[in-house]
């Protein structure tokens, strides 16, 4: 088998309360994250420990999720939020949707404490403000006119009729 074709998943991760509560898409995204990690062995023979060499440098973009794995933007966003909230991944650097600036992720062990009093959820990730542009109720721009309510229309009609009656 070639390099990077296997992933190692701890049995206690699969049996954990956090993993059991994940949605199918979140499990798929987690497995993809686990394939992206690069582990290296530290220590002497018999006392080896494994560490993630590229932790904090793992990238997984919306474009990659859609094109390679068929995961929609909304499903991917929900899966990332779920993995962060349950302690499987953390955001090392936020790209905020800026062109050619990708978000960097790290694999986390916070899931081990999920459901216990010692569990601390991660800070929610910052959201890019949505620019809605021209839409109903937006009075910006020369072509946008604020629609009047029924009460405003009625009062203007009554006022017009009243002014016509007073002129005669």
Foldseek 3Di string as FASTA:
>chain_A
DDPLPDFDDDPCCCVFPLNVPADPLLVVVLVVQRSQWDWDWDDDPPPIDIDTPCFQAGFDDQVCCCPVPNAHPVSVVVSVQSCQQLFQKDWSAPQQPPPPRTTTMGGGPLNVCGPHPPRDGDDGDDHNDDDPDDDQPDQDDDPDDHDDDPVVVVVVVVVVVVVVVVVD
